[in-house]
Amino acid sequence: MPVRLGIPFFAQSALRLSAELPGTILVKRVGTRIQRARLVEVEAYVGPKDLASHSSKGRTARTEVMFGAAGHAYVYLIYGIYWMFNVVAGSTGHAHAVLVRAAEPLDGWDADLTGPGKLAAAFRITGDHNGLDLTGEDFHFEADPAYRPRVVRSKRIGVDYAGPWKDKLYRFVDVRNPIASRLRNVPGMSRKRSLPPSAP
């Protein structure tokens, strides 16, 4: 049986959390329906020293949630179109976060979750969820002891501006999951060209 994950699970470094999130299940109530998806791809952002992280610009109104308690949502908008859903990790003040990039829909749910923008849209995650506790009844993560992911690490996507930080192996992908073949630049895996590219 899946087990809901509590604050102690999220109160570890972004790197450790990123290694453990693939294979877990994201659960969210959308209207009258409970939607579930197994996480396949995430990225770690390790605080102000990480030039790819928003927190590298300092503590601002936008990044305040990142500097807060673990287990809360950090949601922001890019290109004026796509919401990005992140999980705050680590200790308060350290501004660690994990970007949820892709997942496999479960329970017969027909959705394309192969990019962070697509995932947030399908789960109807918006700026209204920024700062939300991710251990509640209607929005949480579950461990699935029956599933064993096979996680590989690679460079993060779209952070070429981050100097030496662009080369950090802070992206974690469960290559056991069939969705992994639809993602960009996964080590040792050829992407299925017939499928659409992922959104930012």
C-alpha atoms as a PDB file:
ATOM      1  CA  MET A   1       0.000   0.000   0.000  1.00  0.00           C
ATOM      2  CA  PRO A   2       1.285   3.507  -0.843  1.00  0.00           C
ATOM      3  CA  VAL A   3       2.297   5.564   2.191  1.00  0.00           C
ATOM      4  CA  ARG A   4       1.841   9.335   2.369  1.00  0.00           C
ATOM      5  CA  LEU A   5       5.153  11.138   2.771  1.00  0.00           C
ATOM      6  CA  GLY A   6       5.520  13.624   5.605  1.00  0.00           C
ATOM      7  CA  ILE A   7       7.722  16.632   6.304  1.00  0.00           C
ATOM      8  CA  PRO A   8      10.745  14.567   7.491  1.00  0.00           C
ATOM      9  CA  PHE A   9      11.039  13.051   4.007  1.00  0.00           C
ATOM     10  CA  PHE A  10      11.376  16.494   2.419  1.00  0.00           C
ATOM     11  CA  ALA A  11      13.693  17.881   5.120  1.00  0.00           C
ATOM     12  CA  GLN A  12      16.822  16.550   3.409  1.00  0.00           C
ATOM     13  CA  SER A  13      19.093  18.164   0.854  1.00  0.00           C
ATOM     14  CA  ALA A  14      17.729  18.744  -2.629  1.00  0.00           C
ATOM     15  CA  LEU A  15      20.212  16.215  -4.012  1.00  0.00           C
ATOM     16  CA  ARG A  16      19.138  13.470  -1.643  1.00  0.00           C
ATOM     17  CA  LEU A  17      15.473  14.277  -2.135  1.00  0.00           C
ATOM     18  CA  SER A  18      15.904  14.251  -5.927  1.00  0.00           C
ATOM     19  CA  ALA A  19      17.413  10.781  -5.735  1.00  0.00           C
ATOM     20  CA  GLU A  20      14.412   9.513  -3.757  1.00  0.00           C
ATOM     21  CA  LEU A  21      11.501  11.275  -5.492  1.00  0.00           C
ATOM     22  CA  PRO A  22      11.508   9.291  -8.790  1.00  0.00           C
ATOM     23  CA  GLY A  23       9.113   6.395  -8.345  1.00  0.00           C
ATOM     24  CA  THR A  24       6.990   8.175  -5.755  1.00  0.00           C
ATOM     25  CA  ILE A  25       3.420   9.120  -6.600  1.00  0.00           C
ATOM     26  CA  LEU A  26       2.084  12.675  -6.793  1.00  0.00           C
ATOM     27  CA  VAL A  27      -1.539  12.844  -5.672  1.00  0.00           C
ATOM     28  CA  LYS A  28      -3.778  15.874  -6.146  1.00  0.00           C
ATOM     29  CA  ARG A  29      -7.510  16.515  -6.038  1.00  0.00           C
ATOM     30  CA  VAL A  30      -8.641  18.302  -9.199  1.00  0.00           C
ATOM     31  CA  GLY A  31     -12.298  19.203  -8.919  1.00  0.00           C
ATOM     32  CA  THR A  32     -14.102  16.027  -7.878  1.00  0.00           C
ATOM     33  CA  ARG A  33     -11.366  13.708  -9.117  1.00  0.00           C
ATOM     34  CA  ILE A  34      -8.157  12.473  -7.511  1.00  0.00           C
ATOM     35  CA  GLN A  35      -5.324  12.481 -10.055  1.00  0.00           C
ATOM     36  CA  ARG A  36      -2.199  10.380  -9.514  1.00  0.00           C
ATOM     37  CA  ALA A  37       1.092  10.139 -11.380  1.00  0.00           C
ATOM     38  CA  ARG A  38       4.415   8.404 -10.756  1.00  0.00           C
ATOM     39  CA  LEU A  39       7.395  10.778 -10.818  1.00  0.00           C
ATOM     40  CA  VAL A  40       9.952  10.054 -13.527  1.00  0.00           C
ATOM     41  CA  GLU A  41      12.155  13.159 -13.787  1.00  0.00           C
ATOM     42  CA  VAL A  42      13.233  15.834 -11.286  1.00  0.00           C
ATOM     43  CA  GLU A  43      16.031  18.393 -10.913  1.00  0.00           C
ATOM     44  CA  ALA A  44      17.828  19.580  -7.787  1.00  0.00           C
ATOM     45  CA  TYR A  45      18.606  23.240  -6.990  1.00  0.00           C
ATOM     46  CA  VAL A  46      20.924  23.586  -4.031  1.00  0.00           C
ATOM     47  CA  GLY A  47      20.593  27.094  -2.672  1.00  0.00           C
ATOM     48  CA  PRO A  48      22.156  30.538  -3.252  1.00  0.00           C
ATOM     49  CA  LYS A  49      25.549  29.161  -4.328  1.00  0.00           C
ATOM     50  CA  ASP A  50      23.829  27.372  -7.235  1.00  0.00           C
ATOM     51  CA  LEU A  51      23.826  29.884 -10.107  1.00  0.00           C
ATOM     52  CA  ALA A  52      20.977  28.015 -11.788  1.00  0.00           C
ATOM     53  CA  SER A  53      18.725  28.598  -8.772  1.00  0.00           C
ATOM     54  CA  HIS A  54      16.429  31.578  -8.275  1.00  0.00           C
ATOM     55  CA  SER A  55      17.837  31.831  -4.755  1.00  0.00           C
ATOM     56  CA  SER A  56      21.229  32.857  -6.198  1.00  0.00           C
ATOM     57  CA  LYS A  57      19.670  36.328  -6.648  1.00  0.00           C
ATOM     58  CA  GLY A  58      19.048  36.562  -2.906  1.00  0.00           C
ATOM     59  CA  ARG A  59      16.041  36.480  -0.664  1.00  0.00           C
ATOM     60  CA  THR A  60      13.176  38.262  -2.430  1.00  0.00           C
ATOM     61  CA  ALA A  61       9.396  38.222  -2.425  1.00  0.00           C
ATOM     62  CA  ARG A  62       9.561  35.644  -5.204  1.00  0.00           C
ATOM     63  CA  THR A  63      12.055  33.320  -3.523  1.00  0.00           C
ATOM     64  CA  GLU A  64      10.837  33.654   0.061  1.00  0.00           C
ATOM     65  CA  VAL A  65       9.064  30.286  -0.107  1.00  0.00           C
ATOM     66  CA  MET A  66      12.327  28.590  -1.101  1.00  0.00           C
ATOM     67  CA  PHE A  67      13.964  29.866   2.077  1.00  0.00           C
ATOM     68  CA  GLY A  68      11.086  28.503   4.141  1.00  0.00           C
ATOM     69  CA  ALA A  69      10.158  25.104   5.514  1.00  0.00           C
ATOM     70  CA  ALA A  70      10.589  21.886   3.576  1.00  0.00           C
ATOM     71  CA  GLY A  71       7.576  20.094   2.132  1.00  0.00           C
ATOM     72  CA  HIS A  72       5.957  23.185   0.638  1.00  0.00           C
ATOM     73  CA  ALA A  73       5.330  24.096  -2.997  1.00  0.00           C
ATOM     74  CA  TYR A  74       7.408  26.685  -4.808  1.00  0.00           C
ATOM     75  CA  VAL A  75       5.501  27.627  -7.974  1.00  0.00           C
ATOM     76  CA  TYR A  76       6.528  30.263 -10.486  1.00  0.00           C
ATOM     77  CA  LEU A  77       5.666  31.339 -14.032  1.00  0.00           C
ATOM     78  CA  ILE A  78       8.067  31.300 -17.007  1.00  0.00           C
ATOM     79  CA  TYR A  79       7.614  32.936 -20.402  1.00  0.00           C
ATOM     80  CA  GLY A  80       4.326  34.278 -19.067  1.00  0.00           C
ATOM     81  CA  ILE A  81       2.760  30.904 -19.934  1.00  0.00           C
ATOM     82  CA  TYR A  82       4.077  27.881 -18.025  1.00  0.00           C
ATOM     83  CA  TRP A  83       3.809  27.242 -14.297  1.00  0.00           C
ATOM     84  CA  MET A  84       6.745  25.365 -12.788  1.00  0.00           C
ATOM     85  CA  PHE A  85       6.110  23.164  -9.745  1.00  0.00           C
ATOM     86  CA  ASN A  86       8.917  22.701  -7.226  1.00  0.00           C
ATOM     87  CA  VAL A  87       9.169  21.112  -3.793  1.00  0.00           C
ATOM     88  CA  VAL A  88      11.091  22.981  -1.080  1.00  0.00           C
ATOM     89  CA  ALA A  89      13.734  20.718   0.485  1.00  0.00           C
ATOM     90  CA  GLY A  90      16.302  20.742   3.259  1.00  0.00           C
ATOM     91  CA  SER A  91      16.521  23.018   6.266  1.00  0.00           C
ATOM     92  CA  THR A  92      14.780  26.363   6.648  1.00  0.00           C
ATOM     93  CA  GLY A  93      16.959  29.143   5.277  1.00  0.00           C
ATOM     94  CA  HIS A  94      18.977  26.961   2.888  1.00  0.00           C
ATOM     95  CA  ALA A  95      16.681  27.536  -0.131  1.00  0.00           C
ATOM     96  CA  HIS A  96      16.945  24.048  -1.564  1.00  0.00           C
ATOM     97  CA  ALA A  97      14.242  22.994  -4.026  1.00  0.00           C
ATOM     98  CA  VAL A  98      13.425  20.209  -6.470  1.00  0.00           C
ATOM     99  CA  LEU A  99      11.741  20.893  -9.818  1.00  0.00           C
ATOM    100  CA  VAL A 100       9.229  18.207 -10.812  1.00  0.00           C
ATOM    101  CA  ARG A 101       9.784  17.753 -14.558  1.00  0.00           C
ATOM    102  CA  ALA A 102       7.916  14.629 -15.694  1.00  0.00           C
ATOM    103  CA  ALA A 103       5.637  11.849 -14.491  1.00  0.00           C
ATOM    104  CA  GLU A 104       3.642   8.846 -15.658  1.00  0.00           C
ATOM    105  CA  PRO A 105      -0.162   9.238 -15.308  1.00  0.00           C
ATOM    106  CA  LEU A 106      -1.832   6.414 -13.365  1.00  0.00           C
ATOM    107  CA  ASP A 107      -5.307   4.906 -12.987  1.00  0.00           C
ATOM    108  CA  GLY A 108      -6.178   5.248 -16.656  1.00  0.00           C
ATOM    109  CA  TRP A 109      -5.621   9.001 -16.671  1.00  0.00           C
ATOM    110  CA  ASP A 110      -4.817  10.111 -20.221  1.00  0.00           C
ATOM    111  CA  ALA A 111      -2.374  13.029 -19.918  1.00  0.00           C
ATOM    112  CA  ASP A 112       0.993  14.108 -21.305  1.00  0.00           C
ATOM    113  CA  LEU A 113       3.226  14.814 -18.308  1.00  0.00           C
ATOM    114  CA  THR A 114       6.559  14.817 -20.183  1.00  0.00           C
ATOM    115  CA  GLY A 115       7.589  18.360 -19.273  1.00  0.00           C
ATOM    116  CA  PRO A 116       7.261  20.548 -16.182  1.00  0.00           C
ATOM    117  CA  GLY A 117       4.872  22.977 -17.896  1.00  0.00           C
ATOM    118  CA  LYS A 118       2.665  20.152 -19.128  1.00  0.00           C
ATOM    119  CA  LEU A 119       2.703  18.463 -15.736  1.00  0.00           C
ATOM    120  CA  ALA A 120       1.666  21.593 -13.864  1.00  0.00           C
ATOM    121  CA  ALA A 121      -1.082  22.318 -16.391  1.00  0.00           C
ATOM    122  CA  ALA A 122      -2.493  18.785 -16.230  1.00  0.00           C
ATOM    123  CA  PHE A 123      -2.544  18.874 -12.424  1.00  0.00           C
ATOM    124  CA  ARG A 124      -3.908  22.441 -12.534  1.00  0.00           C
ATOM    125  CA  ILE A 125      -1.041  23.731 -10.431  1.00  0.00           C
ATOM    126  CA  THR A 126      -0.786  27.535 -10.523  1.00  0.00           C
ATOM    127  CA  GLY A 127       0.629  30.414  -8.528  1.00  0.00           C
ATOM    128  CA  ASP A 128      -2.277  29.950  -6.112  1.00  0.00           C
ATOM    129  CA  HIS A 129      -0.475  26.835  -4.852  1.00  0.00           C
ATOM    130  CA  ASN A 130       2.766  28.676  -4.072  1.00  0.00           C
ATOM    131  CA  GLY A 131       3.667  28.023  -0.443  1.00  0.00           C
ATOM    132  CA  LEU A 132       1.111  25.224  -0.037  1.00  0.00           C
ATOM    133  CA  ASP A 133       1.851  22.399   2.411  1.00  0.00           C
ATOM    134  CA  LEU A 134       2.418  19.268   0.297  1.00  0.00           C
ATOM    135  CA  THR A 135       1.473  16.810   3.021  1.00  0.00           C
ATOM    136  CA  GLY A 136      -2.267  17.492   3.077  1.00  0.00           C
ATOM    137  CA  GLU A 137      -5.176  15.277   2.075  1.00  0.00           C
ATOM    138  CA  ASP A 138      -5.754  16.934  -1.309  1.00  0.00           C
ATOM    139  CA  PHE A 139      -2.155  17.438  -2.456  1.00  0.00           C
ATOM    140  CA  HIS A 140       0.677  15.149  -1.382  1.00  0.00           C
ATOM    141  CA  PHE A 141       3.243  12.522  -2.357  1.00  0.00           C
ATOM    142  CA  GLU A 142       3.120   8.804  -1.630  1.00  0.00           C
ATOM    143  CA  ALA A 143       5.873   6.216  -1.388  1.00  0.00           C
ATOM    144  CA  ASP A 144       5.202   2.990  -3.280  1.00  0.00           C
ATOM    145  CA  PRO A 145       7.226   0.192  -1.634  1.00  0.00           C
ATOM    146  CA  ALA A 146       6.264  -2.214  -4.433  1.00  0.00           C
ATOM    147  CA  TYR A 147       8.023  -0.124  -7.099  1.00  0.00           C
ATOM    148  CA  ARG A 148      11.801   0.056  -7.499  1.00  0.00           C
ATOM    149  CA  PRO A 149      13.018   2.874  -9.765  1.00  0.00           C
ATOM    150  CA  ARG A 150      16.355   2.806 -11.592  1.00  0.00           C
ATOM    151  CA  VAL A 151      17.646   6.351 -11.350  1.00  0.00           C
ATOM    152  CA  VAL A 152      20.349   7.882 -13.548  1.00  0.00           C
ATOM    153  CA  ARG A 153      21.852  11.361 -13.252  1.00  0.00           C
ATOM    154  CA  SER A 154      22.624  13.903 -15.960  1.00  0.00           C
ATOM    155  CA  LYS A 155      22.932  17.642 -16.537  1.00  0.00           C
ATOM    156  CA  ARG A 156      19.927  19.861 -15.896  1.00  0.00           C
ATOM    157  CA  ILE A 157      17.886  21.193 -18.806  1.00  0.00           C
ATOM    158  CA  GLY A 158      17.994  24.838 -19.916  1.00  0.00           C
ATOM    159  CA  VAL A 159      20.537  26.241 -17.454  1.00  0.00           C
ATOM    160  CA  ASP A 160      23.346  27.198 -19.830  1.00  0.00           C
ATOM    161  CA  TYR A 161      23.470  30.646 -18.183  1.00  0.00           C
ATOM    162  CA  ALA A 162      24.684  29.153 -14.881  1.00  0.00           C
ATOM    163  CA  GLY A 163      28.422  28.992 -15.582  1.00  0.00           C
ATOM    164  CA  PRO A 164      30.048  25.868 -14.126  1.00  0.00           C
ATOM    165  CA  TRP A 165      26.750  24.961 -12.467  1.00  0.00           C
ATOM    166  CA  LYS A 166      25.269  24.050 -15.854  1.00  0.00           C
ATOM    167  CA  ASP A 167      27.445  20.917 -15.862  1.00  0.00           C
ATOM    168  CA  LYS A 168      26.347  19.598 -12.473  1.00  0.00           C
ATOM    169  CA  LEU A 169      24.645  16.188 -12.621  1.00  0.00           C
ATOM    170  CA  TYR A 170      21.599  17.416 -10.751  1.00  0.00           C
ATOM    171  CA  ARG A 171      18.903  15.895 -12.979  1.00  0.00           C
ATOM    172  CA  PHE A 172      17.504  12.525 -11.865  1.00  0.00           C
ATOM    173  CA  VAL A 173      15.509  10.245 -14.190  1.00  0.00           C
ATOM    174  CA  ASP A 174      13.899   6.864 -13.532  1.00  0.00           C
ATOM    175  CA  VAL A 175      14.945   4.991 -16.674  1.00  0.00           C
ATOM    176  CA  ARG A 176      12.921   1.958 -15.645  1.00  0.00           C
ATOM    177  CA  ASN A 177       9.767   3.934 -16.381  1.00  0.00           C
ATOM    178  CA  PRO A 178       8.566   3.829 -20.025  1.00  0.00           C
ATOM    179  CA  ILE A 179       7.989   7.602 -19.957  1.00  0.00           C
ATOM    180  CA  ALA A 180      11.767   8.088 -19.751  1.00  0.00           C
ATOM    181  CA  SER A 181      12.109   7.274 -23.464  1.00  0.00           C
ATOM    182  CA  ARG A 182      10.090  10.405 -24.247  1.00  0.00           C
ATOM    183  CA  LEU A 183      12.413  12.754 -22.371  1.00  0.00           C
ATOM    184  CA  ARG A 184      15.351  14.768 -23.649  1.00  0.00           C
ATOM    185  CA  ASN A 185      18.999  13.764 -23.249  1.00  0.00           C
ATOM    186  CA  VAL A 186      18.580  10.765 -20.964  1.00  0.00           C
ATOM    187  CA  PRO A 187      21.900   8.866 -20.771  1.00  0.00           C
ATOM    188  CA  GLY A 188      21.830   5.505 -22.520  1.00  0.00           C
ATOM    189  CA  MET A 189      18.345   5.955 -23.901  1.00  0.00           C
ATOM    190  CA  SER A 190      17.163   6.865 -27.418  1.00  0.00           C
ATOM    191  CA  ARG A 191      14.215   9.210 -27.445  1.00  0.00           C
ATOM    192  CA  LYS A 192      11.103   8.221 -29.421  1.00  0.00           C
ATOM    193  CA  ARG A 193      11.024  10.750 -32.240  1.00  0.00           C
ATOM    194  CA  SER A 194       7.356  10.208 -33.042  1.00  0.00           C
ATOM    195  CA  LEU A 195       6.310  11.784 -29.780  1.00  0.00           C
ATOM    196  CA  PRO A 196       6.087  15.557 -29.170  1.00  0.00           C
ATOM    197  CA  PRO A 197       8.915  17.342 -27.346  1.00  0.00           C
ATOM    198  CA  SER A 198       8.449  18.314 -23.721  1.00  0.00           C
ATOM    199  CA  ALA A 199       7.412  21.811 -22.721  1.00  0.00           C
ATOM    200  CA  PRO A 200       9.803  23.953 -20.667  1.00  0.00           C
END
